[in-house]
Structure formats: structure tokens, C-alpha cells
């Protein structure tokens, strides 16, 4: 009997310090940014026989890289940062597919009529991630 396994690692509500939007230098960015990330990975890195970090995918280096690219420049759009987050994920061969959801919100309700969150979601399949890897390495 063969098993059909599918596994993900979900990182939700990760605060991202990024400047995103069109505003002048003296205007503050009133938004806070939050990342939800779903990583498709091999089931062998989740359904494990022994308890140890060597058996699983260590997502800390990925998060460190995402935080670096989030802060290394000013972004006009959430889409550009989401694209760069996908490129960060492509650096890790263990990641077979990824869904990025980047949201912005105003925590104090100031600055206008926007309420709730405004975001962008990007799903990248295994084949698309292979293409992104080729672009990153080429």
C-alpha cells in the first residue's frame, strides 16, 4: 500500500518591517506589514522517525533572509516584496512550492477610512519554483 503524503510548514502572522507605498520622505508609513507563508516541503521532513533539528527543515535562515530583503530598500508595491520573498524561498531546495500572503494594516486606525487588511497573495507551484531558481542562479 502506497501513501500519498503532502506536507507544509505554515508561518503565519510574521511581522515584516518594510516601507511599502508611495509617500514622501517626511511622511510616516502608517501601515504595519504581516506575512503568512505556506511552504510545501517533502513529507520526509515532517513525518520523521526521530526527534531532532537535523530531521526537519530549519526555516530560521529563510526568515532571516526575508527580513533582510524586506528592509534593504523602499518598495512601491506589495507585489514586488512578495516576488522577492518567492525568490528567497527559491534559494532553499527543500521548498517545493510556496504561497506568500503579504498584508498591510493600520494598527491605530489613523490616517483615513481604510479598515481591515489590504494584501496580495502569490502561489508558486513546484514547476514555477524551478523556473525561479533558474532565474536566480542564471
C-alpha atoms as a PDB file:
ATOM      1  CA  UNK A   1       0.000   0.000   0.000  1.00  0.00           C
ATOM      2  CA  UNK A   2       1.490   3.341  -1.029  1.00  0.00           C
ATOM      3  CA  UNK A   3       0.824   6.543   0.843  1.00  0.00           C
ATOM      4  CA  UNK A   4       0.087   9.842  -0.830  1.00  0.00           C
ATOM      5  CA  UNK A   5       1.574  12.381   1.540  1.00  0.00           C
ATOM      6  CA  UNK A   6       1.578  16.145   1.296  1.00  0.00           C
ATOM      7  CA  UNK A   7       3.223  18.376   3.872  1.00  0.00           C
ATOM      8  CA  UNK A   8       3.528  22.068   4.547  1.00  0.00           C
ATOM      9  CA  UNK A   9       5.124  24.358   7.050  1.00  0.00           C
ATOM     10  CA  UNK A  10       2.974  27.346   7.883  1.00  0.00           C
ATOM     11  CA  UNK A  11       4.393  30.578   9.219  1.00  0.00           C
ATOM     12  CA  UNK A  12       1.547  32.982   9.985  1.00  0.00           C
ATOM     13  CA  UNK A  13       1.379  36.461  11.389  1.00  0.00           C
ATOM     14  CA  UNK A  14       5.093  37.153  10.914  1.00  0.00           C
ATOM     15  CA  UNK A  15       5.652  40.898  11.347  1.00  0.00           C
ATOM     16  CA  UNK A  16       7.642  42.404   8.489  1.00  0.00           C
ATOM     17  CA  UNK A  17       9.445  45.709   8.893  1.00  0.00           C
ATOM     18  CA  UNK A  18       9.179  47.151   5.414  1.00  0.00           C
ATOM     19  CA  UNK A  19       8.464  50.513   3.871  1.00  0.00           C
ATOM     20  CA  UNK A  20       5.887  49.956   1.158  1.00  0.00           C
ATOM     21  CA  UNK A  21       3.938  52.615  -0.683  1.00  0.00           C
ATOM     22  CA  UNK A  22       4.158  55.974  -2.331  1.00  0.00           C
ATOM     23  CA  UNK A  23       4.761  58.726   0.175  1.00  0.00           C
ATOM     24  CA  UNK A  24       7.272  61.489   0.658  1.00  0.00           C
ATOM     25  CA  UNK A  25      10.337  61.153   2.847  1.00  0.00           C
ATOM     26  CA  UNK A  26       8.807  63.285   5.607  1.00  0.00           C
ATOM     27  CA  UNK A  27       5.541  61.286   5.640  1.00  0.00           C
ATOM     28  CA  UNK A  28       5.436  58.312   8.006  1.00  0.00           C
ATOM     29  CA  UNK A  29       4.398  54.892   6.735  1.00  0.00           C
ATOM     30  CA  UNK A  30       1.200  54.363   8.716  1.00  0.00           C
ATOM     31  CA  UNK A  31       0.929  50.693   7.824  1.00  0.00           C
ATOM     32  CA  UNK A  32       2.214  47.632   9.592  1.00  0.00           C
ATOM     33  CA  UNK A  33       3.006  44.629   7.418  1.00  0.00           C
ATOM     34  CA  UNK A  34       2.322  40.981   8.160  1.00  0.00           C
ATOM     35  CA  UNK A  35       3.438  37.859   6.303  1.00  0.00           C
ATOM     36  CA  UNK A  36       1.751  34.479   6.064  1.00  0.00           C
ATOM     37  CA  UNK A  37       3.908  31.893   4.370  1.00  0.00           C
ATOM     38  CA  UNK A  38       2.966  28.327   3.459  1.00  0.00           C
ATOM     39  CA  UNK A  39       5.905  26.202   2.370  1.00  0.00           C
ATOM     40  CA  UNK A  40       5.333  22.910   0.595  1.00  0.00           C
ATOM     41  CA  UNK A  41       8.139  20.582   1.598  1.00  0.00           C
ATOM     42  CA  UNK A  42       8.949  16.912   1.331  1.00  0.00           C
ATOM     43  CA  UNK A  43       6.936  14.782   3.759  1.00  0.00           C
ATOM     44  CA  UNK A  44      10.218  13.145   4.827  1.00  0.00           C
ATOM     45  CA  UNK A  45      10.999  16.453   6.592  1.00  0.00           C
ATOM     46  CA  UNK A  46       7.740  16.331   8.590  1.00  0.00           C
ATOM     47  CA  UNK A  47       6.872  12.649   9.074  1.00  0.00           C
ATOM     48  CA  UNK A  48      10.073  11.790  10.942  1.00  0.00           C
ATOM     49  CA  UNK A  49      11.331   8.771  12.872  1.00  0.00           C
ATOM     50  CA  UNK A  50      13.452  10.597  15.447  1.00  0.00           C
ATOM     51  CA  UNK A  51      13.160  13.974  17.121  1.00  0.00           C
ATOM     52  CA  UNK A  52      15.897  16.377  16.051  1.00  0.00           C
ATOM     53  CA  UNK A  53      16.528  19.507  14.021  1.00  0.00           C
ATOM     54  CA  UNK A  54      18.669  17.537  11.574  1.00  0.00           C
ATOM     55  CA  UNK A  55      15.484  15.668  10.567  1.00  0.00           C
ATOM     56  CA  UNK A  56      13.389  18.733   9.642  1.00  0.00           C
ATOM     57  CA  UNK A  57      13.519  21.913   7.560  1.00  0.00           C
ATOM     58  CA  UNK A  58      15.049  24.769   9.555  1.00  0.00           C
ATOM     59  CA  UNK A  59      13.082  27.845   8.475  1.00  0.00           C
ATOM     60  CA  UNK A  60      15.082  30.337  10.584  1.00  0.00           C
ATOM     61  CA  UNK A  61      17.652  31.069   7.805  1.00  0.00           C
ATOM     62  CA  UNK A  62      14.754  31.664   5.391  1.00  0.00           C
ATOM     63  CA  UNK A  63      13.104  34.125   7.777  1.00  0.00           C
ATOM     64  CA  UNK A  64      16.409  35.919   8.306  1.00  0.00           C
ATOM     65  CA  UNK A  65      16.792  36.339   4.545  1.00  0.00           C
ATOM     66  CA  UNK A  66      13.197  37.544   4.148  1.00  0.00           C
ATOM     67  CA  UNK A  67      13.716  40.138   6.862  1.00  0.00           C
ATOM     68  CA  UNK A  68      16.894  41.345   5.124  1.00  0.00           C
ATOM     69  CA  UNK A  69      15.233  41.783   1.722  1.00  0.00           C
ATOM     70  CA  UNK A  70      12.206  43.411   3.369  1.00  0.00           C
ATOM     71  CA  UNK A  71      14.394  46.125   4.820  1.00  0.00           C
ATOM     72  CA  UNK A  72      17.068  46.586   2.143  1.00  0.00           C
ATOM     73  CA  UNK A  73      15.057  49.123   0.135  1.00  0.00           C
ATOM     74  CA  UNK A  74      11.829  51.072  -0.133  1.00  0.00           C
ATOM     75  CA  UNK A  75       9.102  49.217  -2.039  1.00  0.00           C
ATOM     76  CA  UNK A  76       6.442  50.956  -4.063  1.00  0.00           C
ATOM     77  CA  UNK A  77       4.237  47.822  -4.129  1.00  0.00           C
ATOM     78  CA  UNK A  78       3.485  44.789  -2.006  1.00  0.00           C
ATOM     79  CA  UNK A  79       3.740  42.732  -5.188  1.00  0.00           C
ATOM     80  CA  UNK A  80       7.454  43.477  -5.554  1.00  0.00           C
ATOM     81  CA  UNK A  81       8.208  42.433  -1.983  1.00  0.00           C
ATOM     82  CA  UNK A  82       6.085  39.274  -2.426  1.00  0.00           C
ATOM     83  CA  UNK A  83       8.099  38.476  -5.570  1.00  0.00           C
ATOM     84  CA  UNK A  84      11.356  38.904  -3.683  1.00  0.00           C
ATOM     85  CA  UNK A  85      10.066  36.652  -0.897  1.00  0.00           C
ATOM     86  CA  UNK A  86       9.416  33.941  -3.504  1.00  0.00           C
ATOM     87  CA  UNK A  87      12.987  34.432  -4.746  1.00  0.00           C
ATOM     88  CA  UNK A  88      14.183  33.987  -1.154  1.00  0.00           C
ATOM     89  CA  UNK A  89      12.231  30.727  -0.885  1.00  0.00           C
ATOM     90  CA  UNK A  90      13.742  29.503  -4.155  1.00  0.00           C
ATOM     91  CA  UNK A  91      17.174  29.606  -2.512  1.00  0.00           C
ATOM     92  CA  UNK A  92      16.179  26.579  -0.397  1.00  0.00           C
ATOM     93  CA  UNK A  93      15.979  23.303  -2.338  1.00  0.00           C
ATOM     94  CA  UNK A  94      13.842  21.755   0.419  1.00  0.00           C
ATOM     95  CA  UNK A  95      10.982  24.083  -0.535  1.00  0.00           C
ATOM     96  CA  UNK A  96       8.895  22.502  -3.284  1.00  0.00           C
ATOM     97  CA  UNK A  97       6.223  25.196  -3.561  1.00  0.00           C
ATOM     98  CA  UNK A  98       5.222  28.335  -1.714  1.00  0.00           C
ATOM     99  CA  UNK A  99       2.263  30.576  -1.031  1.00  0.00           C
ATOM    100  CA  UNK A 100       3.038  34.110   0.095  1.00  0.00           C
ATOM    101  CA  UNK A 101       0.367  36.315   1.617  1.00  0.00           C
ATOM    102  CA  UNK A 102       1.564  39.818   2.454  1.00  0.00           C
ATOM    103  CA  UNK A 103      -0.899  42.121   4.218  1.00  0.00           C
ATOM    104  CA  UNK A 104      -0.806  45.673   5.460  1.00  0.00           C
ATOM    105  CA  UNK A 105      -2.999  47.249   8.102  1.00  0.00           C
ATOM    106  CA  UNK A 106      -3.197  50.284  10.329  1.00  0.00           C
ATOM    107  CA  UNK A 107      -2.957  49.224  13.938  1.00  0.00           C
ATOM    108  CA  UNK A 108      -4.241  52.515  15.373  1.00  0.00           C
ATOM    109  CA  UNK A 109      -6.952  53.184  12.781  1.00  0.00           C
ATOM    110  CA  UNK A 110      -5.456  56.590  11.970  1.00  0.00           C
ATOM    111  CA  UNK A 111      -4.934  58.136   8.598  1.00  0.00           C
ATOM    112  CA  UNK A 112      -8.140  57.625   6.668  1.00  0.00           C
ATOM    113  CA  UNK A 113     -11.001  55.272   6.071  1.00  0.00           C
ATOM    114  CA  UNK A 114      -9.048  52.066   5.432  1.00  0.00           C
ATOM    115  CA  UNK A 115     -10.004  49.317   7.831  1.00  0.00           C
ATOM    116  CA  UNK A 116      -9.110  45.659   7.885  1.00  0.00           C
ATOM    117  CA  UNK A 117      -6.178  44.458   5.845  1.00  0.00           C
ATOM    118  CA  UNK A 118      -5.051  45.010   2.288  1.00  0.00           C
ATOM    119  CA  UNK A 119      -2.891  42.340   0.795  1.00  0.00           C
ATOM    120  CA  UNK A 120      -1.516  40.310  -2.032  1.00  0.00           C
ATOM    121  CA  UNK A 121      -1.332  36.510  -2.311  1.00  0.00           C
ATOM    122  CA  UNK A 122       1.056  34.677  -4.619  1.00  0.00           C
ATOM    123  CA  UNK A 123       1.072  30.888  -5.064  1.00  0.00           C
ATOM    124  CA  UNK A 124       4.056  29.294  -6.769  1.00  0.00           C
ATOM    125  CA  UNK A 125       3.970  25.628  -7.794  1.00  0.00           C
ATOM    126  CA  UNK A 126       6.903  23.262  -7.870  1.00  0.00           C
ATOM    127  CA  UNK A 127       7.496  23.798 -11.601  1.00  0.00           C
ATOM    128  CA  UNK A 128       7.297  27.570 -11.251  1.00  0.00           C
ATOM    129  CA  UNK A 129       9.746  27.478  -8.346  1.00  0.00           C
ATOM    130  CA  UNK A 130      12.186  25.531 -10.517  1.00  0.00           C
ATOM    131  CA  UNK A 131      11.966  28.365 -13.083  1.00  0.00           C
ATOM    132  CA  UNK A 132      12.554  30.969 -10.369  1.00  0.00           C
ATOM    133  CA  UNK A 133      15.613  29.022  -9.221  1.00  0.00           C
ATOM    134  CA  UNK A 134      16.968  29.035 -12.770  1.00  0.00           C
ATOM    135  CA  UNK A 135      16.489  32.821 -12.933  1.00  0.00           C
ATOM    136  CA  UNK A 136      18.173  33.312  -9.542  1.00  0.00           C
ATOM    137  CA  UNK A 137      21.161  31.202 -10.487  1.00  0.00           C
ATOM    138  CA  UNK A 138      21.471  32.360 -14.101  1.00  0.00           C
END
